[in-house]
């Protein structure tokens, strides 16, 4: 998740969110730092975006990937 995406999410929720500590456990994040996952942004027909957790693409290079949805 990019810094900009995190800020947008927090600002949409009034500037902060309360999460249980378990949300940061290794099993919940898919690894000790969440690096096994990526965020997918899907435009919806009403002009909003859906943010979803998806498996991280192979490799170590950051990029935008069009999955054809």
PDB file of N, CA and C in Angstrom:
ATOM      1  N   UNK A   1       0.855  -1.168   0.000  1.00  0.00           N
ATOM      2  CA  UNK A   1       0.000   0.000   0.000  1.00  0.00           C
ATOM      3  C   UNK A   1       0.898   1.227   0.000  1.00  0.00           C
ATOM      4  N   UNK A   2       0.583   2.146  -0.853  1.00  0.00           N
ATOM      5  CA  UNK A   2       1.380   3.369  -0.907  1.00  0.00           C
ATOM      6  C   UNK A   2       0.994   4.300   0.240  1.00  0.00           C
ATOM      7  N   UNK A   3       1.875   5.223   0.520  1.00  0.00           N
ATOM      8  CA  UNK A   3       1.607   6.221   1.542  1.00  0.00           C
ATOM      9  C   UNK A   3       0.363   7.022   1.178  1.00  0.00           C
ATOM     10  N   UNK A   4       0.226   7.402  -0.086  1.00  0.00           N
ATOM     11  CA  UNK A   4      -0.931   8.186  -0.528  1.00  0.00           C
ATOM     12  C   UNK A   4      -2.240   7.414  -0.319  1.00  0.00           C
ATOM     13  N   UNK A   5      -2.211   6.104  -0.598  1.00  0.00           N
ATOM     14  CA  UNK A   5      -3.410   5.289  -0.423  1.00  0.00           C
ATOM     15  C   UNK A   5      -3.784   5.198   1.058  1.00  0.00           C
ATOM     16  N   UNK A   6      -2.785   5.037   1.918  1.00  0.00           N
ATOM     17  CA  UNK A   6      -3.040   4.991   3.351  1.00  0.00           C
ATOM     18  C   UNK A   6      -3.634   6.310   3.841  1.00  0.00           C
ATOM     19  N   UNK A   7      -3.067   7.426   3.408  1.00  0.00           N
ATOM     20  CA  UNK A   7      -3.586   8.744   3.812  1.00  0.00           C
ATOM     21  C   UNK A   7      -5.029   8.926   3.327  1.00  0.00           C
ATOM     22  N   UNK A   8      -5.312   8.548   2.074  1.00  0.00           N
ATOM     23  CA  UNK A   8      -6.676   8.666   1.536  1.00  0.00           C
ATOM     24  C   UNK A   8      -7.657   7.842   2.372  1.00  0.00           C
ATOM     25  N   UNK A   9      -7.272   6.634   2.711  1.00  0.00           N
ATOM     26  CA  UNK A   9      -8.130   5.759   3.505  1.00  0.00           C
ATOM     27  C   UNK A   9      -8.389   6.350   4.888  1.00  0.00           C
ATOM     28  N   UNK A  10      -7.332   6.810   5.535  1.00  0.00           N
ATOM     29  CA  UNK A  10      -7.496   7.405   6.860  1.00  0.00           C
ATOM     30  C   UNK A  10      -8.333   8.682   6.814  1.00  0.00           C
ATOM     31  N   UNK A  11      -8.068   9.548   5.847  1.00  0.00           N
ATOM     32  CA  UNK A  11      -8.820  10.804   5.747  1.00  0.00           C
ATOM     33  C   UNK A  11     -10.296  10.539   5.465  1.00  0.00           C
ATOM     34  N   UNK A  12     -10.599   9.531   4.674  1.00  0.00           N
ATOM     35  CA  UNK A  12     -11.997   9.191   4.393  1.00  0.00           C
ATOM     36  C   UNK A  12     -12.708   8.735   5.668  1.00  0.00           C
ATOM     37  N   UNK A  13     -11.952   8.190   6.605  1.00  0.00           N
ATOM     38  CA  UNK A  13     -12.524   7.727   7.867  1.00  0.00           C
ATOM     39  C   UNK A  13     -12.292   8.722   8.996  1.00  0.00           C
ATOM     40  N   UNK A  14     -12.183   9.990   8.655  1.00  0.00           N
ATOM     41  CA  UNK A  14     -12.074  11.035   9.662  1.00  0.00           C
ATOM     42  C   UNK A  14     -10.670  11.262  10.195  1.00  0.00           C
ATOM     43  N   UNK A  15      -9.671  10.674   9.561  1.00  0.00           N
ATOM     44  CA  UNK A  15      -8.286  10.926   9.959  1.00  0.00           C
ATOM     45  C   UNK A  15      -7.659   9.819  10.776  1.00  0.00           C
ATOM     46  N   UNK A  16      -8.463   8.887  11.247  1.00  0.00           N
ATOM     47  CA  UNK A  16      -7.893   7.779  12.011  1.00  0.00           C
ATOM     48  C   UNK A  16      -8.833   6.580  11.964  1.00  0.00           C
ATOM     49  N   UNK A  17      -8.273   5.428  12.286  1.00  0.00           N
ATOM     50  CA  UNK A  17      -9.046   4.191  12.388  1.00  0.00           C
ATOM     51  C   UNK A  17      -8.533   3.440  13.607  1.00  0.00           C
ATOM     52  N   UNK A  18      -9.422   2.701  14.241  1.00  0.00           N
ATOM     53  CA  UNK A  18      -9.032   1.858  15.364  1.00  0.00           C
ATOM     54  C   UNK A  18      -8.997   0.421  14.865  1.00  0.00           C
ATOM     55  N   UNK A  19      -7.844  -0.217  15.038  1.00  0.00           N
ATOM     56  CA  UNK A  19      -7.660  -1.607  14.646  1.00  0.00           C
ATOM     57  C   UNK A  19      -7.250  -2.410  15.859  1.00  0.00           C
ATOM     58  N   UNK A  20      -7.695  -3.664  15.936  1.00  0.00           N
ATOM     59  CA  UNK A  20      -7.202  -4.502  17.028  1.00  0.00           C
ATOM     60  C   UNK A  20      -5.732  -4.830  16.803  1.00  0.00           C
ATOM     61  N   UNK A  21      -4.992  -5.040  17.868  1.00  0.00           N
ATOM     62  CA  UNK A  21      -3.570  -5.366  17.751  1.00  0.00           C
ATOM     63  C   UNK A  21      -3.354  -6.613  16.900  1.00  0.00           C
ATOM     64  N   UNK A  22      -4.317  -7.528  16.893  1.00  0.00           N
ATOM     65  CA  UNK A  22      -4.203  -8.762  16.113  1.00  0.00           C
ATOM     66  C   UNK A  22      -4.122  -8.491  14.615  1.00  0.00           C
ATOM     67  N   UNK A  23      -4.550  -7.329  14.165  1.00  0.00           N
ATOM     68  CA  UNK A  23      -4.484  -6.997  12.735  1.00  0.00           C
ATOM     69  C   UNK A  23      -3.045  -6.917  12.242  1.00  0.00           C
ATOM     70  N   UNK A  24      -2.099  -6.751  13.162  1.00  0.00           N
ATOM     71  CA  UNK A  24      -0.688  -6.638  12.793  1.00  0.00           C
ATOM     72  C   UNK A  24       0.112  -7.905  13.070  1.00  0.00           C
ATOM     73  N   UNK A  25      -0.574  -8.975  13.460  1.00  0.00           N
ATOM     74  CA  UNK A  25       0.132 -10.234  13.684  1.00  0.00           C
ATOM     75  C   UNK A  25       0.545 -10.840  12.347  1.00  0.00           C
ATOM     76  N   UNK A  26       1.586 -11.636  12.366  1.00  0.00           N
ATOM     77  CA  UNK A  26       2.147 -12.216  11.145  1.00  0.00           C
ATOM     78  C   UNK A  26       1.108 -12.958  10.325  1.00  0.00           C
ATOM     79  N   UNK A  27       0.262 -13.767  10.947  1.00  0.00           N
ATOM     80  CA  UNK A  27      -0.741 -14.530  10.205  1.00  0.00           C
ATOM     81  C   UNK A  27      -1.758 -13.617   9.522  1.00  0.00           C
ATOM     82  N   UNK A  28      -2.131 -12.527  10.163  1.00  0.00           N
ATOM     83  CA  UNK A  28      -3.119 -11.612   9.586  1.00  0.00           C
ATOM     84  C   UNK A  28      -2.530 -10.810   8.428  1.00  0.00           C
ATOM     85  N   UNK A  29      -1.241 -10.489   8.522  1.00  0.00           N
ATOM     86  CA  UNK A  29      -0.613  -9.646   7.502  1.00  0.00           C
ATOM     87  C   UNK A  29       0.029 -10.445   6.380  1.00  0.00           C
ATOM     88  N   UNK A  30       0.131 -11.757   6.528  1.00  0.00           N
ATOM     89  CA  UNK A  30       0.748 -12.562   5.479  1.00  0.00           C
ATOM     90  C   UNK A  30       2.257 -12.468   5.498  1.00  0.00           C
ATOM     91  N   UNK A  31       2.837 -12.441   6.650  1.00  0.00           N
ATOM     92  CA  UNK A  31       4.286 -12.324   6.804  1.00  0.00           C
ATOM     93  C   UNK A  31       4.588 -11.289   7.858  1.00  0.00           C
ATOM     94  N   UNK A  32       5.824 -11.196   8.296  1.00  0.00           N
ATOM     95  CA  UNK A  32       6.153 -10.273   9.379  1.00  0.00           C
ATOM     96  C   UNK A  32       5.962  -8.798   9.025  1.00  0.00           C
ATOM     97  N   UNK A  33       5.987  -8.461   7.749  1.00  0.00           N
ATOM     98  CA  UNK A  33       5.835  -7.055   7.352  1.00  0.00           C
ATOM     99  C   UNK A  33       4.750  -6.857   6.293  1.00  0.00           C
ATOM    100  N   UNK A  34       3.936  -7.869   6.030  1.00  0.00           N
ATOM    101  CA  UNK A  34       2.862  -7.744   5.046  1.00  0.00           C
ATOM    102  C   UNK A  34       3.332  -7.816   3.611  1.00  0.00           C
ATOM    103  N   UNK A  35       4.587  -8.152   3.386  1.00  0.00           N
ATOM    104  CA  UNK A  35       5.141  -8.072   2.029  1.00  0.00           C
ATOM    105  C   UNK A  35       4.666  -9.185   1.092  1.00  0.00           C
ATOM    106  N   UNK A  36       3.902 -10.138   1.592  1.00  0.00           N
ATOM    107  CA  UNK A  36       3.381 -11.192   0.722  1.00  0.00           C
ATOM    108  C   UNK A  36       2.084 -10.762   0.042  1.00  0.00           C
ATOM    109  N   UNK A  37       1.584  -9.588   0.402  1.00  0.00           N
ATOM    110  CA  UNK A  37       0.327  -9.093  -0.150  1.00  0.00           C
ATOM    111  C   UNK A  37       0.532  -7.774  -0.889  1.00  0.00           C
ATOM    112  N   UNK A  38      -0.424  -7.467  -1.733  1.00  0.00           N
ATOM    113  CA  UNK A  38      -0.466  -6.189  -2.440  1.00  0.00           C
ATOM    114  C   UNK A  38      -1.886  -5.646  -2.334  1.00  0.00           C
ATOM    115  N   UNK A  39      -2.082  -4.431  -2.758  1.00  0.00           N
ATOM    116  CA  UNK A  39      -3.413  -3.819  -2.767  1.00  0.00           C
ATOM    117  C   UNK A  39      -3.861  -3.668  -4.209  1.00  0.00           C
ATOM    118  N   UNK A  40      -5.079  -4.092  -4.473  1.00  0.00           N
ATOM    119  CA  UNK A  40      -5.677  -3.948  -5.805  1.00  0.00           C
ATOM    120  C   UNK A  40      -6.741  -2.859  -5.726  1.00  0.00           C
ATOM    121  N   UNK A  41      -6.709  -1.919  -6.647  1.00  0.00           N
ATOM    122  CA  UNK A  41      -7.723  -0.875  -6.739  1.00  0.00           C
ATOM    123  C   UNK A  41      -8.587  -1.181  -7.949  1.00  0.00           C
ATOM    124  N   UNK A  42      -9.901  -1.351  -7.708  1.00  0.00           N
ATOM    125  CA  UNK A  42     -10.835  -1.664  -8.780  1.00  0.00           C
ATOM    126  C   UNK A  42     -11.847  -0.534  -8.902  1.00  0.00           C
ATOM    127  N   UNK A  43     -11.894   0.148 -10.062  1.00  0.00           N
ATOM    128  CA  UNK A  43     -12.916   1.184 -10.253  1.00  0.00           C
ATOM    129  C   UNK A  43     -14.304   0.532 -10.346  1.00  0.00           C
ATOM    130  N   UNK A  44     -15.264   1.117  -9.659  1.00  0.00           N
ATOM    131  CA  UNK A  44     -16.637   0.615  -9.693  1.00  0.00           C
ATOM    132  C   UNK A  44     -17.504   1.536 -10.540  1.00  0.00           C
ATOM    133  N   UNK A  45     -18.630   1.024 -10.984  1.00  0.00           N
ATOM    134  CA  UNK A  45     -19.492   1.773 -11.922  1.00  0.00           C
ATOM    135  C   UNK A  45     -20.069   3.052 -11.323  1.00  0.00           C
ATOM    136  N   UNK A  46     -20.094   3.167  -9.988  1.00  0.00           N
ATOM    137  CA  UNK A  46     -20.632   4.377  -9.363  1.00  0.00           C
ATOM    138  C   UNK A  46     -19.565   5.443  -9.117  1.00  0.00           C
ATOM    139  N   UNK A  47     -18.359   5.235  -9.659  1.00  0.00           N
ATOM    140  CA  UNK A  47     -17.292   6.219  -9.527  1.00  0.00           C
ATOM    141  C   UNK A  47     -16.412   6.029  -8.298  1.00  0.00           C
ATOM    142  N   UNK A  48     -16.709   5.025  -7.489  1.00  0.00           N
ATOM    143  CA  UNK A  48     -15.877   4.743  -6.322  1.00  0.00           C
ATOM    144  C   UNK A  48     -14.809   3.712  -6.671  1.00  0.00           C
ATOM    145  N   UNK A  49     -13.901   3.478  -5.741  1.00  0.00           N
ATOM    146  CA  UNK A  49     -12.846   2.474  -5.909  1.00  0.00           C
ATOM    147  C   UNK A  49     -12.961   1.435  -4.807  1.00  0.00           C
ATOM    148  N   UNK A  50     -12.773   0.185  -5.156  1.00  0.00           N
ATOM    149  CA  UNK A  50     -12.686  -0.884  -4.159  1.00  0.00           C
ATOM    150  C   UNK A  50     -11.209  -1.192  -3.936  1.00  0.00           C
ATOM    151  N   UNK A  51     -10.763  -1.173  -2.679  1.00  0.00           N
ATOM    152  CA  UNK A  51      -9.405  -1.584  -2.320  1.00  0.00           C
ATOM    153  C   UNK A  51      -9.484  -3.001  -1.789  1.00  0.00           C
ATOM    154  N   UNK A  52      -8.696  -3.901  -2.359  1.00  0.00           N
ATOM    155  CA  UNK A  52      -8.712  -5.305  -1.959  1.00  0.00           C
ATOM    156  C   UNK A  52      -7.294  -5.797  -1.736  1.00  0.00           C
ATOM    157  N   UNK A  53      -7.135  -6.716  -0.799  1.00  0.00           N
ATOM    158  CA  UNK A  53      -5.852  -7.372  -0.575  1.00  0.00           C
ATOM    159  C   UNK A  53      -5.756  -8.544  -1.550  1.00  0.00           C
ATOM    160  N   UNK A  54      -4.637  -8.620  -2.261  1.00  0.00           N
ATOM    161  CA  UNK A  54      -4.395  -9.698  -3.231  1.00  0.00           C
ATOM    162  C   UNK A  54      -2.977 -10.233  -3.028  1.00  0.00           C
ATOM    163  N   UNK A  55      -2.687 -11.448  -3.514  1.00  0.00           N
ATOM    164  CA  UNK A  55      -1.313 -11.938  -3.427  1.00  0.00           C
ATOM    165  C   UNK A  55      -0.361 -11.002  -4.169  1.00  0.00           C
ATOM    166  N   UNK A  56       0.792 -10.814  -3.611  1.00  0.00           N
ATOM    167  CA  UNK A  56       1.793  -9.950  -4.240  1.00  0.00           C
ATOM    168  C   UNK A  56       2.335 -10.618  -5.500  1.00  0.00           C
ATOM    169  N   UNK A  57       2.484  -9.848  -6.583  1.00  0.00           N
ATOM    170  CA  UNK A  57       3.096 -10.411  -7.796  1.00  0.00           C
ATOM    171  C   UNK A  57       4.531 -10.865  -7.511  1.00  0.00           C
ATOM    172  N   UNK A  58       4.995 -11.813  -8.277  1.00  0.00           N
ATOM    173  CA  UNK A  58       6.358 -12.319  -8.113  1.00  0.00           C
ATOM    174  C   UNK A  58       7.381 -11.223  -8.387  1.00  0.00           C
ATOM    175  N   UNK A  59       8.524 -11.307  -7.740  1.00  0.00           N
ATOM    176  CA  UNK A  59       9.610 -10.353  -7.967  1.00  0.00           C
ATOM    177  C   UNK A  59       9.681  -9.296  -6.894  1.00  0.00           C
ATOM    178  N   UNK A  60      10.720  -8.500  -6.959  1.00  0.00           N
ATOM    179  CA  UNK A  60      10.952  -7.465  -5.949  1.00  0.00           C
ATOM    180  C   UNK A  60      10.781  -6.052  -6.486  1.00  0.00           C
ATOM    181  N   UNK A  61      10.356  -5.904  -7.725  1.00  0.00           N
ATOM    182  CA  UNK A  61      10.211  -4.573  -8.305  1.00  0.00           C
ATOM    183  C   UNK A  61       8.807  -4.045  -8.061  1.00  0.00           C
ATOM    184  N   UNK A  62       8.717  -2.859  -7.481  1.00  0.00           N
ATOM    185  CA  UNK A  62       7.417  -2.230  -7.317  1.00  0.00           C
ATOM    186  C   UNK A  62       6.862  -1.826  -8.669  1.00  0.00           C
ATOM    187  N   UNK A  63       5.569  -1.969  -8.841  1.00  0.00           N
ATOM    188  CA  UNK A  63       4.967  -1.610 -10.123  1.00  0.00           C
ATOM    189  C   UNK A  63       3.451  -1.572  -9.997  1.00  0.00           C
ATOM    190  N   UNK A  64       2.846  -1.029 -11.011  1.00  0.00           N
ATOM    191  CA  UNK A  64       1.398  -1.094 -11.175  1.00  0.00           C
ATOM    192  C   UNK A  64       1.119  -2.200 -12.158  1.00  0.00           C
ATOM    193  N   UNK A  65       0.170  -3.032 -11.829  1.00  0.00           N
ATOM    194  CA  UNK A  65      -0.140  -4.176 -12.677  1.00  0.00           C
ATOM    195  C   UNK A  65      -1.619  -4.136 -13.043  1.00  0.00           C
ATOM    196  N   UNK A  66      -1.920  -4.201 -14.327  1.00  0.00           N
ATOM    197  CA  UNK A  66      -3.306  -4.228 -14.804  1.00  0.00           C
ATOM    198  C   UNK A  66      -3.731  -5.687 -14.911  1.00  0.00           C
ATOM    199  N   UNK A  67      -4.659  -6.083 -14.077  1.00  0.00           N
ATOM    200  CA  UNK A  67      -5.133  -7.474 -14.071  1.00  0.00           C
ATOM    201  C   UNK A  67      -6.374  -7.654 -14.924  1.00  0.00           C
ATOM    202  N   UNK A  68      -6.732  -6.637 -15.697  1.00  0.00           N
ATOM    203  CA  UNK A  68      -7.824  -6.761 -16.664  1.00  0.00           C
ATOM    204  C   UNK A  68      -9.204  -6.879 -16.064  1.00  0.00           C
ATOM    205  N   UNK A  69      -9.447  -6.232 -14.953  1.00  0.00           N
ATOM    206  CA  UNK A  69     -10.783  -6.304 -14.344  1.00  0.00           C
ATOM    207  C   UNK A  69     -11.589  -5.110 -14.693  1.00  0.00           C
TER     208      UNK A  69
END
